[in-house]
């Protein structure tokens, strides 16, 4: 059975977990707490970024995730799970590539650790990174109760009903 995953609200008393994955043409990232997603965007890579090495694409997925949720992460310890084991020690490696140095400098001051997670266990981020452009499996729309209450109140307002009926019958009957 397939069902829509309900997004959780962030709880700043708990640790955040980010899962990332990069593929040939896209990156997928998930922000979670207690194994419940808070947000899970994916993004197609530009032609320039499609030419990056696998290591750099995976690094880019971390950078994009941290940039997207920096307002949540700035003063909290968080964990990044990914299926690229060499990035587990990114802060301990010698980085001689100017692009990677720039990326690392953007993450200075953040309190995080990178943990390796097998690709077959990194299901959500993996699926998001590989989705084809234009596909959409779920759209979630939140409609506040007050909007529904206003819509129901239309039926009880005789003046408004006359206006709506006239508008439906003849679009040009009122100048608005």
C-alpha atoms as a PDB file:
ATOM      1  CA  UNK A   1       0.000   0.000   0.000  1.00  0.00           C
ATOM      2  CA  UNK A   2       1.260   3.480  -0.835  1.00  0.00           C
ATOM      3  CA  UNK A   3       0.459   6.463   1.376  1.00  0.00           C
ATOM      4  CA  UNK A   4       1.583  10.053   1.627  1.00  0.00           C
ATOM      5  CA  UNK A   5       4.242  10.586   4.271  1.00  0.00           C
ATOM      6  CA  UNK A   6       3.172  13.288   6.707  1.00  0.00           C
ATOM      7  CA  UNK A   7       5.914  15.819   7.326  1.00  0.00           C
ATOM      8  CA  UNK A   8       6.966  16.413  10.911  1.00  0.00           C
ATOM      9  CA  UNK A   9       7.501  19.828  12.445  1.00  0.00           C
ATOM     10  CA  UNK A  10      11.047  20.577  13.630  1.00  0.00           C
ATOM     11  CA  UNK A  11      11.718  20.124  17.339  1.00  0.00           C
ATOM     12  CA  UNK A  12      14.758  22.155  18.385  1.00  0.00           C
ATOM     13  CA  UNK A  13      15.270  19.994  21.474  1.00  0.00           C
ATOM     14  CA  UNK A  14      16.163  17.016  19.247  1.00  0.00           C
ATOM     15  CA  UNK A  15      19.048  16.397  16.859  1.00  0.00           C
ATOM     16  CA  UNK A  16      18.542  16.899  13.155  1.00  0.00           C
ATOM     17  CA  UNK A  17      19.611  14.220  10.687  1.00  0.00           C
ATOM     18  CA  UNK A  18      20.273  14.924   7.023  1.00  0.00           C
ATOM     19  CA  UNK A  19      20.404  12.139   4.467  1.00  0.00           C
ATOM     20  CA  UNK A  20      21.939  12.984   1.104  1.00  0.00           C
ATOM     21  CA  UNK A  21      22.572  11.291  -2.196  1.00  0.00           C
ATOM     22  CA  UNK A  22      23.858  12.412  -5.564  1.00  0.00           C
ATOM     23  CA  UNK A  23      23.359  10.733  -8.909  1.00  0.00           C
ATOM     24  CA  UNK A  24      24.324  11.552 -12.491  1.00  0.00           C
ATOM     25  CA  UNK A  25      21.829  14.366 -12.962  1.00  0.00           C
ATOM     26  CA  UNK A  26      20.485  15.250  -9.538  1.00  0.00           C
ATOM     27  CA  UNK A  27      20.800  15.393  -5.780  1.00  0.00           C
ATOM     28  CA  UNK A  28      18.276  14.365  -3.158  1.00  0.00           C
ATOM     29  CA  UNK A  29      18.345  15.426   0.473  1.00  0.00           C
ATOM     30  CA  UNK A  30      16.112  14.736   3.464  1.00  0.00           C
ATOM     31  CA  UNK A  31      15.944  16.603   6.784  1.00  0.00           C
ATOM     32  CA  UNK A  32      14.637  14.326   9.536  1.00  0.00           C
ATOM     33  CA  UNK A  33      14.142  13.898  13.249  1.00  0.00           C
ATOM     34  CA  UNK A  34      13.289  10.554  14.852  1.00  0.00           C
ATOM     35  CA  UNK A  35      13.176   8.954  11.392  1.00  0.00           C
ATOM     36  CA  UNK A  36      10.364  11.313  10.310  1.00  0.00           C
ATOM     37  CA  UNK A  37      10.937  13.679   7.389  1.00  0.00           C
ATOM     38  CA  UNK A  38      10.653  17.407   7.922  1.00  0.00           C
ATOM     39  CA  UNK A  39      11.537  18.329   4.353  1.00  0.00           C
ATOM     40  CA  UNK A  40      12.805  16.433   1.333  1.00  0.00           C
ATOM     41  CA  UNK A  41      13.686  18.460  -1.739  1.00  0.00           C
ATOM     42  CA  UNK A  42      15.570  17.255  -4.765  1.00  0.00           C
ATOM     43  CA  UNK A  43      17.337  19.283  -7.394  1.00  0.00           C
ATOM     44  CA  UNK A  44      18.555  18.643 -10.907  1.00  0.00           C
ATOM     45  CA  UNK A  45      22.242  19.330 -11.427  1.00  0.00           C
ATOM     46  CA  UNK A  46      23.266  21.999 -13.903  1.00  0.00           C
ATOM     47  CA  UNK A  47      25.218  20.820 -16.945  1.00  0.00           C
ATOM     48  CA  UNK A  48      28.391  22.164 -15.325  1.00  0.00           C
ATOM     49  CA  UNK A  49      27.775  20.222 -12.119  1.00  0.00           C
ATOM     50  CA  UNK A  50      26.881  17.047 -14.029  1.00  0.00           C
ATOM     51  CA  UNK A  51      30.533  16.953 -15.087  1.00  0.00           C
ATOM     52  CA  UNK A  52      31.800  16.783 -11.498  1.00  0.00           C
ATOM     53  CA  UNK A  53      33.281  13.597 -10.051  1.00  0.00           C
ATOM     54  CA  UNK A  54      31.072  11.369  -7.878  1.00  0.00           C
ATOM     55  CA  UNK A  55      32.984  12.610  -4.812  1.00  0.00           C
ATOM     56  CA  UNK A  56      32.284  16.242  -5.734  1.00  0.00           C
ATOM     57  CA  UNK A  57      28.603  15.572  -6.495  1.00  0.00           C
ATOM     58  CA  UNK A  58      28.181  13.928  -3.098  1.00  0.00           C
ATOM     59  CA  UNK A  59      30.002  16.866  -1.492  1.00  0.00           C
ATOM     60  CA  UNK A  60      27.701  19.240  -3.384  1.00  0.00           C
ATOM     61  CA  UNK A  61      24.657  17.409  -2.001  1.00  0.00           C
ATOM     62  CA  UNK A  62      25.923  18.104   1.541  1.00  0.00           C
ATOM     63  CA  UNK A  63      26.520  21.741   0.700  1.00  0.00           C
ATOM     64  CA  UNK A  64      23.053  22.187  -0.800  1.00  0.00           C
ATOM     65  CA  UNK A  65      21.381  20.506   2.187  1.00  0.00           C
ATOM     66  CA  UNK A  66      23.254  22.627   4.709  1.00  0.00           C
ATOM     67  CA  UNK A  67      22.521  25.795   2.733  1.00  0.00           C
ATOM     68  CA  UNK A  68      18.805  24.953   2.493  1.00  0.00           C
ATOM     69  CA  UNK A  69      18.355  24.301   6.214  1.00  0.00           C
ATOM     70  CA  UNK A  70      21.091  26.481   7.728  1.00  0.00           C
ATOM     71  CA  UNK A  71      18.497  28.387   9.765  1.00  0.00           C
ATOM     72  CA  UNK A  72      17.621  25.114  11.534  1.00  0.00           C
ATOM     73  CA  UNK A  73      21.184  23.838  11.856  1.00  0.00           C
ATOM     74  CA  UNK A  74      23.253  26.914  12.751  1.00  0.00           C
ATOM     75  CA  UNK A  75      23.294  26.380  16.519  1.00  0.00           C
ATOM     76  CA  UNK A  76      22.609  22.653  16.758  1.00  0.00           C
ATOM     77  CA  UNK A  77      24.658  19.492  16.396  1.00  0.00           C
ATOM     78  CA  UNK A  78      23.441  17.467  13.422  1.00  0.00           C
ATOM     79  CA  UNK A  79      24.336  14.285  11.584  1.00  0.00           C
ATOM     80  CA  UNK A  80      24.744  13.847   7.839  1.00  0.00           C
ATOM     81  CA  UNK A  81      24.158  10.322   6.535  1.00  0.00           C
ATOM     82  CA  UNK A  82      25.418   9.499   3.064  1.00  0.00           C
ATOM     83  CA  UNK A  83      26.447   6.535   0.983  1.00  0.00           C
ATOM     84  CA  UNK A  84      29.880   7.885   0.012  1.00  0.00           C
ATOM     85  CA  UNK A  85      32.318   6.583   2.612  1.00  0.00           C
ATOM     86  CA  UNK A  86      35.290   8.827   1.776  1.00  0.00           C
ATOM     87  CA  UNK A  87      33.307  11.941   2.730  1.00  0.00           C
ATOM     88  CA  UNK A  88      32.897  10.597   6.248  1.00  0.00           C
ATOM     89  CA  UNK A  89      36.279  12.171   7.032  1.00  0.00           C
ATOM     90  CA  UNK A  90      35.922  15.343   4.950  1.00  0.00           C
ATOM     91  CA  UNK A  91      37.146  17.662   7.683  1.00  0.00           C
ATOM     92  CA  UNK A  92      40.251  15.546   8.277  1.00  0.00           C
ATOM     93  CA  UNK A  93      41.285  15.232   4.620  1.00  0.00           C
ATOM     94  CA  UNK A  94      43.750  17.425   2.801  1.00  0.00           C
ATOM     95  CA  UNK A  95      41.779  19.420   0.264  1.00  0.00           C
ATOM     96  CA  UNK A  96      43.861  20.909  -2.518  1.00  0.00           C
ATOM     97  CA  UNK A  97      41.038  21.589  -4.976  1.00  0.00           C
ATOM     98  CA  UNK A  98      39.965  25.267  -4.930  1.00  0.00           C
ATOM     99  CA  UNK A  99      36.290  24.415  -5.437  1.00  0.00           C
ATOM    100  CA  UNK A 100      36.270  21.969  -2.529  1.00  0.00           C
ATOM    101  CA  UNK A 101      38.131  24.480  -0.320  1.00  0.00           C
ATOM    102  CA  UNK A 102      35.404  27.000  -1.082  1.00  0.00           C
ATOM    103  CA  UNK A 103      32.727  24.449  -0.187  1.00  0.00           C
ATOM    104  CA  UNK A 104      34.400  23.496   3.103  1.00  0.00           C
ATOM    105  CA  UNK A 105      34.772  27.167   4.051  1.00  0.00           C
ATOM    106  CA  UNK A 106      30.991  27.612   3.666  1.00  0.00           C
ATOM    107  CA  UNK A 107      30.461  24.975   6.341  1.00  0.00           C
ATOM    108  CA  UNK A 108      32.857  26.373   8.921  1.00  0.00           C
ATOM    109  CA  UNK A 109      31.252  27.010  12.280  1.00  0.00           C
ATOM    110  CA  UNK A 110      28.651  24.272  11.890  1.00  0.00           C
ATOM    111  CA  UNK A 111      28.593  21.409  14.397  1.00  0.00           C
ATOM    112  CA  UNK A 112      28.091  18.217  12.408  1.00  0.00           C
ATOM    113  CA  UNK A 113      29.418  14.765  11.755  1.00  0.00           C
ATOM    114  CA  UNK A 114      29.244  12.761   8.549  1.00  0.00           C
ATOM    115  CA  UNK A 115      28.295   9.112   8.885  1.00  0.00           C
ATOM    116  CA  UNK A 116      28.408   6.423   6.230  1.00  0.00           C
ATOM    117  CA  UNK A 117      25.105   4.748   5.423  1.00  0.00           C
ATOM    118  CA  UNK A 118      24.891   1.947   2.869  1.00  0.00           C
ATOM    119  CA  UNK A 119      23.193   2.979  -0.363  1.00  0.00           C
ATOM    120  CA  UNK A 120      20.439   0.393  -0.007  1.00  0.00           C
ATOM    121  CA  UNK A 121      19.577   1.879   3.420  1.00  0.00           C
ATOM    122  CA  UNK A 122      19.570   5.468   2.136  1.00  0.00           C
ATOM    123  CA  UNK A 123      16.251   4.922   0.371  1.00  0.00           C
ATOM    124  CA  UNK A 124      14.555   8.336   0.382  1.00  0.00           C
ATOM    125  CA  UNK A 125      17.550  10.467  -0.611  1.00  0.00           C
ATOM    126  CA  UNK A 126      18.505   7.864  -3.221  1.00  0.00           C
ATOM    127  CA  UNK A 127      15.029   7.931  -4.776  1.00  0.00           C
ATOM    128  CA  UNK A 128      14.960  11.737  -4.807  1.00  0.00           C
ATOM    129  CA  UNK A 129      18.350  11.998  -6.502  1.00  0.00           C
ATOM    130  CA  UNK A 130      17.311   9.604  -9.266  1.00  0.00           C
ATOM    131  CA  UNK A 131      13.819  10.842 -10.035  1.00  0.00           C
ATOM    132  CA  UNK A 132      13.180  11.972 -13.550  1.00  0.00           C
ATOM    133  CA  UNK A 133      12.375  15.598 -14.214  1.00  0.00           C
ATOM    134  CA  UNK A 134       8.662  16.331 -14.155  1.00  0.00           C
ATOM    135  CA  UNK A 135       7.580  13.403 -12.004  1.00  0.00           C
ATOM    136  CA  UNK A 136       5.497  14.124  -8.967  1.00  0.00           C
ATOM    137  CA  UNK A 137       4.276  11.396  -6.662  1.00  0.00           C
ATOM    138  CA  UNK A 138       2.718  13.467  -3.886  1.00  0.00           C
ATOM    139  CA  UNK A 139       1.604  17.036  -3.448  1.00  0.00           C
ATOM    140  CA  UNK A 140       0.744  18.150   0.047  1.00  0.00           C
ATOM    141  CA  UNK A 141      -1.467  21.188   0.503  1.00  0.00           C
ATOM    142  CA  UNK A 142      -2.310  22.532   3.911  1.00  0.00           C
ATOM    143  CA  UNK A 143      -5.599  24.421   4.113  1.00  0.00           C
ATOM    144  CA  UNK A 144      -6.190  26.212   7.411  1.00  0.00           C
ATOM    145  CA  UNK A 145      -9.533  25.611   9.143  1.00  0.00           C
ATOM    146  CA  UNK A 146     -10.485  29.274   8.846  1.00  0.00           C
ATOM    147  CA  UNK A 147     -10.391  29.025   5.031  1.00  0.00           C
ATOM    148  CA  UNK A 148     -12.833  26.112   5.119  1.00  0.00           C
ATOM    149  CA  UNK A 149     -15.039  28.029   7.570  1.00  0.00           C
ATOM    150  CA  UNK A 150     -15.166  31.019   5.215  1.00  0.00           C
ATOM    151  CA  UNK A 151     -16.042  28.783   2.273  1.00  0.00           C
ATOM    152  CA  UNK A 152     -18.900  27.202   4.254  1.00  0.00           C
ATOM    153  CA  UNK A 153     -20.177  30.625   5.297  1.00  0.00           C
ATOM    154  CA  UNK A 154     -20.778  31.538   1.628  1.00  0.00           C
ATOM    155  CA  UNK A 155     -23.824  29.268   1.639  1.00  0.00           C
ATOM    156  CA  UNK A 156     -25.404  31.237   4.505  1.00  0.00           C
ATOM    157  CA  UNK A 157     -24.845  34.711   3.035  1.00  0.00           C
ATOM    158  CA  UNK A 158     -27.855  35.522   0.803  1.00  0.00           C
ATOM    159  CA  UNK A 159     -26.291  38.653  -0.714  1.00  0.00           C
ATOM    160  CA  UNK A 160     -23.115  36.842  -1.636  1.00  0.00           C
ATOM    161  CA  UNK A 161     -25.081  33.915  -3.103  1.00  0.00           C
ATOM    162  CA  UNK A 162     -26.921  36.318  -5.447  1.00  0.00           C
ATOM    163  CA  UNK A 163     -23.622  37.808  -6.589  1.00  0.00           C
ATOM    164  CA  UNK A 164     -22.018  34.403  -7.116  1.00  0.00           C
ATOM    165  CA  UNK A 165     -25.037  33.055  -9.021  1.00  0.00           C
ATOM    166  CA  UNK A 166     -25.120  36.120 -11.257  1.00  0.00           C
ATOM    167  CA  UNK A 167     -21.387  35.827 -11.847  1.00  0.00           C
ATOM    168  CA  UNK A 168     -21.726  32.180 -12.816  1.00  0.00           C
ATOM    169  CA  UNK A 169     -24.677  32.843 -15.152  1.00  0.00           C
ATOM    170  CA  UNK A 170     -23.118  35.811 -16.874  1.00  0.00           C
ATOM    171  CA  UNK A 171     -19.446  36.614 -16.328  1.00  0.00           C
ATOM    172  CA  UNK A 172     -19.865  40.247 -17.366  1.00  0.00           C
ATOM    173  CA  UNK A 173     -22.836  41.020 -15.130  1.00  0.00           C
ATOM    174  CA  UNK A 174     -20.599  42.694 -12.527  1.00  0.00           C
ATOM    175  CA  UNK A 175     -17.559  44.855 -13.299  1.00  0.00           C
ATOM    176  CA  UNK A 176     -15.170  43.123 -10.843  1.00  0.00           C
END
